Structures are given as C-alpha cells and as structure tokens.
PDB file of N, CA and C in Angstrom:
ATOM      1  N   UNK A   1       1.246  60.835  37.103  1.00  0.00           N
ATOM      2  CA  UNK A   1       2.639  60.835  37.442  1.00  0.00           C
ATOM      3  C   UNK A   1       2.853  60.367  38.882  1.00  0.00           C
ATOM      4  N   UNK A   2       2.065  60.839  39.826  1.00  0.00           N
ATOM      5  CA  UNK A   2       2.170  60.403  41.218  1.00  0.00           C
ATOM      6  C   UNK A   2       1.846  58.924  41.312  1.00  0.00           C
ATOM      7  N   UNK A   3       0.860  58.497  40.553  1.00  0.00           N
ATOM      8  CA  UNK A   3       0.488  57.085  40.568  1.00  0.00           C
ATOM      9  C   UNK A   3       1.644  56.222  40.079  1.00  0.00           C
ATOM     10  N   UNK A   4       2.349  56.694  39.064  1.00  0.00           N
ATOM     11  CA  UNK A   4       3.507  55.953  38.560  1.00  0.00           C
ATOM     12  C   UNK A   4       4.597  55.855  39.619  1.00  0.00           C
ATOM     13  N   UNK A   5       4.846  56.934  40.329  1.00  0.00           N
ATOM     14  CA  UNK A   5       5.862  56.956  41.385  1.00  0.00           C
ATOM     15  C   UNK A   5       5.473  56.015  42.513  1.00  0.00           C
ATOM     16  N   UNK A   6       4.209  56.065  42.915  1.00  0.00           N
ATOM     17  CA  UNK A   6       3.731  55.177  43.983  1.00  0.00           C
ATOM     18  C   UNK A   6       3.880  53.725  43.546  1.00  0.00           C
ATOM     19  N   UNK A   7       3.520  53.438  42.307  1.00  0.00           N
ATOM     20  CA  UNK A   7       3.632  52.077  41.793  1.00  0.00           C
ATOM     21  C   UNK A   7       5.100  51.636  41.768  1.00  0.00           C
ATOM     22  N   UNK A   8       6.000  52.518  41.350  1.00  0.00           N
ATOM     23  CA  UNK A   8       7.426  52.199  41.314  1.00  0.00           C
ATOM     24  C   UNK A   8       7.976  51.942  42.711  1.00  0.00           C
ATOM     25  N   UNK A   9       7.599  52.789  43.662  1.00  0.00           N
ATOM     26  CA  UNK A   9       8.057  52.617  45.049  1.00  0.00           C
ATOM     27  C   UNK A   9       7.492  51.327  45.626  1.00  0.00           C
ATOM     28  N   UNK A  10       6.209  51.071  45.383  1.00  0.00           N
ATOM     29  CA  UNK A  10       5.586  49.846  45.889  1.00  0.00           C
ATOM     30  C   UNK A  10       6.258  48.617  45.287  1.00  0.00           C
ATOM     31  N   UNK A  11       6.593  48.693  44.011  1.00  0.00           N
ATOM     32  CA  UNK A  11       7.281  47.578  43.364  1.00  0.00           C
ATOM     33  C   UNK A  11       8.657  47.354  43.947  1.00  0.00           C
ATOM     34  N   UNK A  12       9.374  48.426  44.230  1.00  0.00           N
ATOM     35  CA  UNK A  12      10.711  48.313  44.816  1.00  0.00           C
ATOM     36  C   UNK A  12      10.640  47.721  46.211  1.00  0.00           C
ATOM     37  N   UNK A  13       9.677  48.195  47.008  1.00  0.00           N
ATOM     38  CA  UNK A  13       9.515  47.676  48.371  1.00  0.00           C
ATOM     39  C   UNK A  13       9.124  46.212  48.313  1.00  0.00           C
ATOM     40  N   UNK A  14       8.210  45.891  47.414  1.00  0.00           N
ATOM     41  CA  UNK A  14       7.786  44.506  47.261  1.00  0.00           C
ATOM     42  C   UNK A  14       8.961  43.625  46.841  1.00  0.00           C
ATOM     43  N   UNK A  15       9.785  44.127  45.936  1.00  0.00           N
ATOM     44  CA  UNK A  15      10.963  43.372  45.500  1.00  0.00           C
ATOM     45  C   UNK A  15      11.954  43.162  46.624  1.00  0.00           C
ATOM     46  N   UNK A  16      12.167  44.196  47.438  1.00  0.00           N
ATOM     47  CA  UNK A  16      13.079  44.072  48.579  1.00  0.00           C
ATOM     48  C   UNK A  16      12.533  43.072  49.585  1.00  0.00           C
ATOM     49  N   UNK A  17      11.218  43.145  49.844  1.00  0.00           N
ATOM     50  CA  UNK A  17      10.611  42.213  50.791  1.00  0.00           C
ATOM     51  C   UNK A  17      10.722  40.786  50.266  1.00  0.00           C
ATOM     52  N   UNK A  18      10.485  40.617  48.985  1.00  0.00           N
ATOM     53  CA  UNK A  18      10.605  39.284  48.389  1.00  0.00           C
ATOM     54  C   UNK A  18      12.031  38.773  48.495  1.00  0.00           C
ATOM     55  N   UNK A  19      12.984  39.635  48.213  1.00  0.00           N
ATOM     56  CA  UNK A  19      14.385  39.235  48.305  1.00  0.00           C
ATOM     57  C   UNK A  19      14.740  38.843  49.736  1.00  0.00           C
ATOM     58  N   UNK A  20      14.207  39.580  50.692  1.00  0.00           N
ATOM     59  CA  UNK A  20      14.470  39.252  52.095  1.00  0.00           C
ATOM     60  C   UNK A  20      13.873  37.893  52.446  1.00  0.00           C
ATOM     61  N   UNK A  21      12.651  37.640  51.988  1.00  0.00           N
ATOM     62  CA  UNK A  21      12.017  36.348  52.260  1.00  0.00           C
ATOM     63  C   UNK A  21      12.788  35.206  51.598  1.00  0.00           C
ATOM     64  N   UNK A  22      13.205  35.417  50.377  1.00  0.00           N
ATOM     65  CA  UNK A  22      13.981  34.388  49.678  1.00  0.00           C
ATOM     66  C   UNK A  22      15.291  34.134  50.421  1.00  0.00           C
ATOM     67  N   UNK A  23      15.928  35.187  50.890  1.00  0.00           N
ATOM     68  CA  UNK A  23      17.157  35.027  51.671  1.00  0.00           C
ATOM     69  C   UNK A  23      16.919  34.247  52.950  1.00  0.00           C
ATOM     70  N   UNK A  24      15.818  34.561  53.635  1.00  0.00           N
ATOM     71  CA  UNK A  24      15.488  33.837  54.872  1.00  0.00           C
ATOM     72  C   UNK A  24      15.210  32.364  54.591  1.00  0.00           C
ATOM     73  N   UNK A  25      14.477  32.109  53.515  1.00  0.00           N
ATOM     74  CA  UNK A  25      14.175  30.723  53.155  1.00  0.00           C
ATOM     75  C   UNK A  25      15.459  29.973  52.815  1.00  0.00           C
ATOM     76  N   UNK A  26      16.343  30.598  52.069  1.00  0.00           N
ATOM     77  CA  UNK A  26      17.619  29.961  51.724  1.00  0.00           C
ATOM     78  C   UNK A  26      18.428  29.653  52.980  1.00  0.00           C
ATOM     79  N   UNK A  27      18.400  30.558  53.938  1.00  0.00           N
ATOM     80  CA  UNK A  27      19.112  30.347  55.205  1.00  0.00           C
ATOM     81  C   UNK A  27      18.520  29.153  55.957  1.00  0.00           C
ATOM     82  N   UNK A  28      17.197  29.067  55.990  1.00  0.00           N
ATOM     83  CA  UNK A  28      16.534  27.952  56.672  1.00  0.00           C
ATOM     84  C   UNK A  28      16.877  26.630  55.995  1.00  0.00           C
ATOM     85  N   UNK A  29      16.812  26.606  54.666  1.00  0.00           N
ATOM     86  CA  UNK A  29      17.113  25.378  53.928  1.00  0.00           C
ATOM     87  C   UNK A  29      18.569  24.969  54.141  1.00  0.00           C
ATOM     88  N   UNK A  30      19.474  25.928  54.098  1.00  0.00           N
ATOM     89  CA  UNK A  30      20.892  25.615  54.312  1.00  0.00           C
ATOM     90  C   UNK A  30      21.115  25.041  55.708  1.00  0.00           C
ATOM     91  N   UNK A  31      20.449  25.607  56.703  1.00  0.00           N
ATOM     92  CA  UNK A  31      20.558  25.081  58.063  1.00  0.00           C
ATOM     93  C   UNK A  31      20.010  23.671  58.167  1.00  0.00           C
ATOM     94  N   UNK A  32      18.892  23.421  57.491  1.00  0.00           N
ATOM     95  CA  UNK A  32      18.306  22.082  57.521  1.00  0.00           C
ATOM     96  C   UNK A  32      19.226  21.066  56.855  1.00  0.00           C
ATOM     97  N   UNK A  33      19.823  21.445  55.740  1.00  0.00           N
ATOM     98  CA  UNK A  33      20.759  20.548  55.048  1.00  0.00           C
ATOM     99  C   UNK A  33      21.956  20.254  55.943  1.00  0.00           C
ATOM    100  N   UNK A  34      22.460  21.281  56.614  1.00  0.00           N
ATOM    101  CA  UNK A  34      23.590  21.092  57.526  1.00  0.00           C
ATOM    102  C   UNK A  34      23.207  20.138  58.655  1.00  0.00           C
ATOM    103  N   UNK A  35      22.003  20.322  59.216  1.00  0.00           N
ATOM    104  CA  UNK A  35      21.563  19.468  60.314  1.00  0.00           C
ATOM    105  C   UNK A  35      21.385  18.020  59.863  1.00  0.00           C
ATOM    106  N   UNK A  36      20.816  17.829  58.677  1.00  0.00           N
ATOM    107  CA  UNK A  36      20.631  16.474  58.153  1.00  0.00           C
ATOM    108  C   UNK A  36      21.987  15.824  57.909  1.00  0.00           C
ATOM    109  N   UNK A  37      22.915  16.572  57.334  1.00  0.00           N
ATOM    110  CA  UNK A  37      24.254  16.026  57.089  1.00  0.00           C
ATOM    111  C   UNK A  37      24.918  15.625  58.403  1.00  0.00           C
ATOM    112  N   UNK A  38      24.745  16.448  59.425  1.00  0.00           N
ATOM    113  CA  UNK A  38      25.301  16.113  60.737  1.00  0.00           C
ATOM    114  C   UNK A  38      24.664  14.864  61.313  1.00  0.00           C
ATOM    115  N   UNK A  39      23.347  14.733  61.141  1.00  0.00           N
ATOM    116  CA  UNK A  39      22.646  13.559  61.654  1.00  0.00           C
ATOM    117  C   UNK A  39      23.087  12.299  60.918  1.00  0.00           C
ATOM    118  N   UNK A  40      23.233  12.395  59.605  1.00  0.00           N
ATOM    119  CA  UNK A  40      23.688  11.242  58.824  1.00  0.00           C
ATOM    120  C   UNK A  40      25.092  10.842  59.263  1.00  0.00           C
ATOM    121  N   UNK A  41      25.945  11.823  59.494  1.00  0.00           N
ATOM    122  CA  UNK A  41      27.294  11.527  59.968  1.00  0.00           C
ATOM    123  C   UNK A  41      27.283  10.840  61.321  1.00  0.00           C
ATOM    124  N   UNK A  42      26.407  11.296  62.212  1.00  0.00           N
ATOM    125  CA  UNK A  42      26.311  10.692  63.541  1.00  0.00           C
ATOM    126  C   UNK A  42      25.809   9.255  63.448  1.00  0.00           C
ATOM    127  N   UNK A  43      24.813   9.017  62.605  1.00  0.00           N
ATOM    128  CA  UNK A  43      24.291   7.659  62.430  1.00  0.00           C
ATOM    129  C   UNK A  43      25.369   6.758  61.844  1.00  0.00           C
ATOM    130  N   UNK A  44      26.093   7.257  60.861  1.00  0.00           N
ATOM    131  CA  UNK A  44      27.163   6.475  60.241  1.00  0.00           C
ATOM    132  C   UNK A  44      28.228   6.104  61.263  1.00  0.00           C
ATOM    133  N   UNK A  45      28.597   7.063  62.112  1.00  0.00           N
ATOM    134  CA  UNK A  45      29.584   6.774  63.162  1.00  0.00           C
ATOM    135  C   UNK A  45      29.069   5.703  64.111  1.00  0.00           C
ATOM    136  N   UNK A  46      27.805   5.819  64.524  1.00  0.00           N
ATOM    137  CA  UNK A  46      27.241   4.848  65.463  1.00  0.00           C
ATOM    138  C   UNK A  46      27.197   3.452  64.853  1.00  0.00           C
ATOM    139  N   UNK A  47      26.780   3.353  63.594  1.00  0.00           N
ATOM    140  CA  UNK A  47      26.738   2.047  62.930  1.00  0.00           C
ATOM    141  C   UNK A  47      28.148   1.480  62.818  1.00  0.00           C
ATOM    142  N   UNK A  48      29.099   2.308  62.463  1.00  0.00           N
ATOM    143  CA  UNK A  48      30.483   1.852  62.377  1.00  0.00           C
ATOM    144  C   UNK A  48      31.012   1.360  63.715  1.00  0.00           C
ATOM    145  N   UNK A  49      30.700   2.090  64.778  1.00  0.00           N
ATOM    146  CA  UNK A  49      31.126   1.669  66.118  1.00  0.00           C
ATOM    147  C   UNK A  49      30.471   0.350  66.511  1.00  0.00           C
ATOM    148  N   UNK A  50      29.188   0.205  66.170  1.00  0.00           N
ATOM    149  CA  UNK A  50      28.456  -1.011  66.490  1.00  0.00           C
ATOM    150  C   UNK A  50      29.079  -2.207  65.771  1.00  0.00           C
ATOM    151  N   UNK A  51      29.387  -2.049  64.491  1.00  0.00           N
ATOM    152  CA  UNK A  51      30.003  -3.130  63.722  1.00  0.00           C
ATOM    153  C   UNK A  51      31.381  -3.467  64.296  1.00  0.00           C
ATOM    154  N   UNK A  52      32.158  -2.445  64.621  1.00  0.00           N
ATOM    155  CA  UNK A  52      33.488  -2.687  65.202  1.00  0.00           C
ATOM    156  C   UNK A  52      33.384  -3.441  66.516  1.00  0.00           C
ATOM    157  N   UNK A  53      32.449  -3.025  67.368  1.00  0.00           N
ATOM    158  CA  UNK A  53      32.258  -3.718  68.647  1.00  0.00           C
ATOM    159  C   UNK A  53      31.835  -5.167  68.426  1.00  0.00           C
ATOM    160  N   UNK A  54      30.963  -5.400  67.445  1.00  0.00           N
ATOM    161  CA  UNK A  54      30.505  -6.763  67.157  1.00  0.00           C
ATOM    162  C   UNK A  54      31.661  -7.640  66.698  1.00  0.00           C
ATOM    163  N   UNK A  55      32.508  -7.113  65.838  1.00  0.00           N
ATOM    164  CA  UNK A  55      33.668  -7.875  65.355  1.00  0.00           C
ATOM    165  C   UNK A  55      34.609  -8.177  66.514  1.00  0.00           C
ATOM    166  N   UNK A  56      34.848  -7.196  67.368  1.00  0.00           N
ATOM    167  CA  UNK A  56      35.730  -7.418  68.519  1.00  0.00           C
ATOM    168  C   UNK A  56      35.168  -8.491  69.445  1.00  0.00           C
ATOM    169  N   UNK A  57      33.848  -8.462  69.686  1.00  0.00           N
ATOM    170  CA  UNK A  57      33.242  -9.477  70.557  1.00  0.00           C
ATOM    171  C   UNK A  57      33.330 -10.859  69.919  1.00  0.00           C
ATOM    172  N   UNK A  58      33.110 -10.951  68.612  1.00  0.00           N
ATOM    173  CA  UNK A  58      33.214 -12.224  67.906  1.00  0.00           C
ATOM    174  C   UNK A  58      34.633 -12.776  68.016  1.00  0.00           C
ATOM    175  N   UNK A  59      35.622 -11.921  67.800  1.00  0.00           N
ATOM    176  CA  UNK A  59      37.017 -12.360  67.891  1.00  0.00           C
ATOM    177  C   UNK A  59      37.381 -12.767  69.314  1.00  0.00           C
ATOM    178  N   UNK A  60      36.871 -12.040  70.299  1.00  0.00           N
ATOM    179  CA  UNK A  60      37.147 -12.392  71.696  1.00  0.00           C
ATOM    180  C   UNK A  60      36.508 -13.733  72.047  1.00  0.00           C
ATOM    181  N   UNK A  61      35.294 -13.975  71.552  1.00  0.00           N
ATOM    182  CA  UNK A  61      34.633 -15.257  71.818  1.00  0.00           C
ATOM    183  C   UNK A  61      35.404 -16.406  71.176  1.00  0.00           C
ATOM    184  N   UNK A  62      35.890 -16.187  69.961  1.00  0.00           N
ATOM    185  CA  UNK A  62      36.674 -17.223  69.282  1.00  0.00           C
ATOM    186  C   UNK A  62      37.963 -17.502  70.058  1.00  0.00           C
ATOM    187  N   UNK A  63      38.646 -16.457  70.504  1.00  0.00           N
ATOM    188  CA  UNK A  63      39.884 -16.636  71.274  1.00  0.00           C
ATOM    189  C   UNK A  63      39.600 -17.371  72.578  1.00  0.00           C
ATOM    190  N   UNK A  64      38.465 -17.073  73.201  1.00  0.00           N
ATOM    191  CA  UNK A  64      38.111 -17.753  74.453  1.00  0.00           C
ATOM    192  C   UNK A  64      37.848 -19.236  74.201  1.00  0.00           C
ATOM    193  N   UNK A  65      37.164 -19.556  73.096  1.00  0.00           N
ATOM    194  CA  UNK A  65      36.932 -20.968  72.765  1.00  0.00           C
ATOM    195  C   UNK A  65      38.252 -21.680  72.509  1.00  0.00           C
ATOM    196  N   UNK A  66      39.166 -21.017  71.804  1.00  0.00           N
ATOM    197  CA  UNK A  66      40.474 -21.622  71.531  1.00  0.00           C
ATOM    198  C   UNK A  66      41.234 -21.872  72.827  1.00  0.00           C
ATOM    199  N   UNK A  67      41.188 -20.906  73.736  1.00  0.00           N
ATOM    200  CA  UNK A  67      41.856 -21.082  75.029  1.00  0.00           C
ATOM    201  C   UNK A  67      41.229 -22.236  75.803  1.00  0.00           C
ATOM    202  N   UNK A  68      39.930 -22.342  75.760  1.00  0.00           N
ATOM    203  CA  UNK A  68      39.219 -23.375  76.519  1.00  0.00           C
ATOM    204  C   UNK A  68      39.450 -24.764  75.916  1.00  0.00           C
ATOM    205  N   UNK A  69      39.435 -24.855  74.601  1.00  0.00           N
ATOM    206  CA  UNK A  69      39.570 -26.148  73.928  1.00  0.00           C
ATOM    207  C   UNK A  69      41.019 -26.532  73.661  1.00  0.00           C
ATOM    208  N   UNK A  70      41.915 -25.601  73.721  1.00  0.00           N
ATOM    209  CA  UNK A  70      43.312 -25.881  73.461  1.00  0.00           C
ATOM    210  C   UNK A  70      43.636 -26.007  71.979  1.00  0.00           C
ATOM    211  N   UNK A  71      42.715 -25.664  71.128  1.00  0.00           N
ATOM    212  CA  UNK A  71      42.956 -25.726  69.686  1.00  0.00           C
ATOM    213  C   UNK A  71      42.118 -24.640  69.001  1.00  0.00           C
ATOM    214  N   UNK A  72      42.501 -24.276  67.774  1.00  0.00           N
ATOM    215  CA  UNK A  72      41.693 -23.276  67.059  1.00  0.00           C
ATOM    216  C   UNK A  72      40.272 -23.781  66.833  1.00  0.00           C
ATOM    217  N   UNK A  73      39.313 -22.897  67.018  1.00  0.00           N
ATOM    218  CA  UNK A  73      37.918 -23.295  66.819  1.00  0.00           C
ATOM    219  C   UNK A  73      37.528 -23.102  65.364  1.00  0.00           C
ATOM    220  N   UNK A  74      36.564 -23.903  64.947  1.00  0.00           N
ATOM    221  CA  UNK A  74      36.057 -23.780  63.590  1.00  0.00           C
ATOM    222  C   UNK A  74      34.833 -22.883  63.634  1.00  0.00           C
ATOM    223  N   UNK A  75      34.976 -21.734  62.985  1.00  0.00           N
ATOM    224  CA  UNK A  75      33.865 -20.785  62.962  1.00  0.00           C
ATOM    225  C   UNK A  75      33.019 -21.020  61.732  1.00  0.00           C
ATOM    226  N   UNK A  76      31.990 -20.332  61.656  1.00  0.00           N
ATOM    227  CA  UNK A  76      31.008 -20.396  60.576  1.00  0.00           C
ATOM    228  C   UNK A  76      31.711 -20.556  59.267  1.00  0.00           C
TER     229      UNK A  76
END
C-alpha cells in the first residue's frame, strides 16, 4: 500500500515536472517564432525601402537627362 502511494505521488510529481517542461518549451518556441517573424518583417521593410530608393534614383537620373538634353530620354 505504501509502495502504491509512493508510486502515485512520484507519478504526479513527474507529470507536473513534465507539464512544466512542456510549458517552458512552448514558451521558447513561441518566442522564437515571434523573433523570426519580426526579423522577416524587418528584412521585408529594408528590401522595400531599397527598391523604392532605386526607383527614385532611376527617375531622378531620367529627369536629369531630360533637363540636360532638352527632350525626353529613351530608357531601356
């Protein structure tokens, strides 16, 4: 009877410890997913800014050629 009680208590403690570990692991994974999502968002913003800057520079160069030549330039 004592052995059964000890086994039951040990099982309960083991289950609680396992649940705590699973909770900690879930917290770590959720944090990692959040961090990756944030990093992807930051990269996407940077690429978008880079493309926007490139388009603006291309348009400015075309306008400068038009001003210099006195006529619209023929681009690619």
